């Protein structure tokens, strides 16, 4: 299957390539971005290349899709979003990140809305789930605006779930 190209009003979502390594490095070397999903931010361009390689391998193996999020007008890569794990007919787990300078502009709502629709319509996932630290109020707010419901709360994390019927109501 060819990697899906998705488009919204302001964004292009496309396959991540090694040409994106500097933008990925810039995002993932920022502790305010990376520390939400890595033990610590990355410090070398080779780490960005390894991450891109892992994203690409997951897509090749049919285990996940991670899209580069680009501003349509400038083609600037501002973040990533995707399905880290999905099984056709079962759950699909999403993950996402956005460069700090672009926080609060609604870009992630737009990007996630597109991949959620893709997950239900094309990947045929039965539910979409997401996990985030309990103190990550920004991510939690994005998920809740998209119609996700809290499924479980651990000591320091929230697990969310979105069904097709919840999505149809958004």
Protein backbone atom coordinates (compact mmCIF):
# COMPACT_ATOMS: atom_id res chain seq x y z
CA UNK A 1 0.00 0.00 0.00
CA UNK A 2 1.28 3.46 -0.86
CA UNK A 3 1.71 5.82 2.05
CA UNK A 4 -1.46 7.93 2.30
CA UNK A 5 -1.21 11.66 1.59
CA UNK A 6 -3.81 13.60 3.57
CA UNK A 7 -4.81 17.24 3.34
CA UNK A 8 -6.79 19.71 5.46
CA UNK A 9 -7.56 23.39 4.98
CA UNK A 10 -4.17 24.50 6.33
CA UNK A 11 -2.07 21.35 6.44
CA UNK A 12 -0.52 18.59 4.38
CA UNK A 13 0.12 15.25 6.02
CA UNK A 14 2.65 13.13 4.18
CA UNK A 15 5.18 10.38 4.66
CA UNK A 16 8.26 11.28 6.71
CA UNK A 17 11.54 10.95 4.80
CA UNK A 18 15.20 11.29 5.69
CA UNK A 19 15.03 14.77 4.16
CA UNK A 20 12.98 15.68 7.27
CA UNK A 21 15.77 14.76 9.68
CA UNK A 22 16.69 18.36 10.53
CA UNK A 23 13.09 19.36 11.27
CA UNK A 24 12.55 16.17 13.31
CA UNK A 25 15.80 16.86 15.16
CA UNK A 26 14.72 20.44 15.88
CA UNK A 27 11.40 19.27 17.38
CA UNK A 28 12.71 16.26 19.28
CA UNK A 29 15.73 18.10 20.67
CA UNK A 30 13.40 20.59 22.35
CA UNK A 31 12.72 19.27 25.88
CA UNK A 32 9.34 21.02 25.95
CA UNK A 33 8.26 18.84 23.01
CA UNK A 34 10.23 15.61 23.38
CA UNK A 35 10.00 15.04 27.11
CA UNK A 36 6.31 14.16 26.75
CA UNK A 37 7.16 10.95 24.90
CA UNK A 38 10.89 10.25 25.26
CA UNK A 39 12.83 9.68 28.46
CA UNK A 40 14.87 12.72 27.41
CA UNK A 41 15.17 14.88 24.34
CA UNK A 42 17.51 13.83 21.54
CA UNK A 43 20.93 15.44 21.15
CA UNK A 44 22.30 14.13 17.84
CA UNK A 45 21.03 14.17 14.26
CA UNK A 46 21.65 10.41 14.05
CA UNK A 47 18.93 9.91 16.65
CA UNK A 48 16.46 11.74 14.40
CA UNK A 49 17.50 9.47 11.52
CA UNK A 50 16.90 6.38 13.68
CA UNK A 51 13.44 7.66 14.66
CA UNK A 52 12.57 8.30 11.02
CA UNK A 53 13.81 4.81 10.15
CA UNK A 54 11.54 3.32 12.82
CA UNK A 55 8.54 5.31 11.54
CA UNK A 56 9.20 4.11 7.99
CA UNK A 57 9.69 0.47 9.05
CA UNK A 58 6.37 0.49 10.94
CA UNK A 59 4.63 1.70 7.77
CA UNK A 60 6.38 -0.90 5.61
CA UNK A 61 5.42 -3.65 8.07
CA UNK A 62 1.78 -2.46 8.24
CA UNK A 63 2.05 -1.68 11.96
CA UNK A 64 1.59 2.08 11.92
CA UNK A 65 1.64 5.31 9.98
CA UNK A 66 3.37 8.47 11.13
CA UNK A 67 2.71 11.54 9.06
CA UNK A 68 4.82 14.67 8.81
CA UNK A 69 2.58 17.66 9.45
CA UNK A 70 3.39 20.52 7.08
CA UNK A 71 1.92 23.98 6.81
CA UNK A 72 0.30 23.97 3.38
CA UNK A 73 1.39 27.51 2.52
CA UNK A 74 5.10 27.31 3.45
CA UNK A 75 5.67 23.50 3.45
CA UNK A 76 7.33 23.87 6.87
CA UNK A 77 7.32 20.63 8.90
CA UNK A 78 5.77 21.54 12.26
CA UNK A 79 5.19 18.15 13.87
CA UNK A 80 4.08 14.57 13.45
CA UNK A 81 1.00 12.51 14.15
CA UNK A 82 0.02 8.99 13.44
CA UNK A 83 -1.04 5.53 14.40
CA UNK A 84 1.69 3.95 16.49
CA UNK A 85 -0.19 0.68 16.51
CA UNK A 86 -3.27 -0.42 14.69
CA UNK A 87 -4.97 -3.65 13.84
CA UNK A 88 -7.65 -3.70 11.14
CA UNK A 89 -11.00 -4.18 12.85
CA UNK A 90 -9.53 -3.46 16.27
CA UNK A 91 -7.94 -0.57 18.14
CA UNK A 92 -5.64 2.03 16.66
CA UNK A 93 -3.39 4.01 19.00
CA UNK A 94 -2.44 7.57 18.04
CA UNK A 95 0.52 9.71 19.02
CA UNK A 96 1.35 13.30 18.15
CA UNK A 97 3.80 16.15 18.65
CA UNK A 98 3.99 19.75 17.55
CA UNK A 99 6.76 22.36 17.53
CA UNK A 100 6.30 24.69 20.48
CA UNK A 101 6.07 27.81 18.29
CA UNK A 102 2.89 26.36 16.75
CA UNK A 103 1.10 25.43 19.98
CA UNK A 104 -2.37 26.90 20.49
CA UNK A 105 -3.19 27.49 16.82
CA UNK A 106 -5.50 24.51 16.29
CA UNK A 107 -3.12 22.67 13.98
CA UNK A 108 -3.14 19.46 15.99
CA UNK A 109 -6.94 19.35 16.15
CA UNK A 110 -6.96 19.68 12.37
CA UNK A 111 -4.29 17.02 11.77
CA UNK A 112 -5.71 14.51 14.24
CA UNK A 113 -9.21 15.00 12.88
CA UNK A 114 -7.94 13.95 9.46
CA UNK A 115 -6.09 10.84 10.66
CA UNK A 116 -8.99 9.78 12.90
CA UNK A 117 -11.32 9.89 9.91
CA UNK A 118 -8.72 7.94 7.92
CA UNK A 119 -8.48 5.37 10.72
CA UNK A 120 -12.21 4.74 10.87
CA UNK A 121 -12.90 4.93 7.12
CA UNK A 122 -9.81 3.33 5.56
CA UNK A 123 -7.93 1.40 8.24
CA UNK A 124 -11.26 0.17 9.64
CA UNK A 125 -10.17 0.50 13.27
CA UNK A 126 -13.03 -0.09 15.69
CA UNK A 127 -11.79 2.44 18.23
CA UNK A 128 -8.99 4.99 18.46
CA UNK A 129 -7.07 5.23 21.70
CA UNK A 130 -4.45 7.60 23.08
CA UNK A 131 -2.34 7.83 26.22
CA UNK A 132 -0.82 10.89 27.83
CA UNK A 133 0.66 12.03 31.10
CA UNK A 134 -2.00 13.30 33.47
CA UNK A 135 -0.17 16.61 33.81
CA UNK A 136 -0.07 17.12 30.02
CA UNK A 137 -3.12 19.37 30.04
CA UNK A 138 -2.57 20.54 26.46
CA UNK A 139 -2.70 17.01 25.02
CA UNK A 140 -5.63 16.10 27.23
CA UNK A 141 -7.55 19.18 26.07
CA UNK A 142 -6.90 18.31 22.38
CA UNK A 143 -8.14 14.76 22.89
CA UNK A 144 -11.24 15.88 24.76
CA UNK A 145 -12.08 18.48 22.08
CA UNK A 146 -11.96 15.65 19.53
CA UNK A 147 -14.53 13.64 21.53
CA UNK A 148 -12.21 11.19 23.28
CA UNK A 149 -13.45 9.84 26.60
CA UNK A 150 -11.25 8.91 29.55
CA UNK A 151 -11.03 5.14 29.69
CA UNK A 152 -8.62 4.81 32.64
CA UNK A 153 -6.44 6.91 34.91
CA UNK A 154 -3.22 5.52 36.36
CA UNK A 155 -0.97 7.23 38.86
CA UNK A 156 0.44 9.62 36.25
CA UNK A 157 -1.33 8.88 32.96
CA UNK A 158 -4.70 9.15 31.28
CA UNK A 159 -5.90 6.62 28.71
CA UNK A 160 -8.48 7.84 26.21
CA UNK A 161 -10.76 6.09 23.75
CA UNK A 162 -12.83 7.29 20.80
CA UNK A 163 -15.52 5.20 19.13
CA UNK A 164 -16.97 5.85 15.68
CA UNK A 165 -20.26 6.93 17.30
CA UNK A 166 -18.39 9.44 19.54
CA UNK A 167 -16.56 10.70 16.44
CA UNK A 168 -19.81 11.12 14.51
CA UNK A 169 -21.03 13.50 17.24
CA UNK A 170 -18.05 15.87 17.03
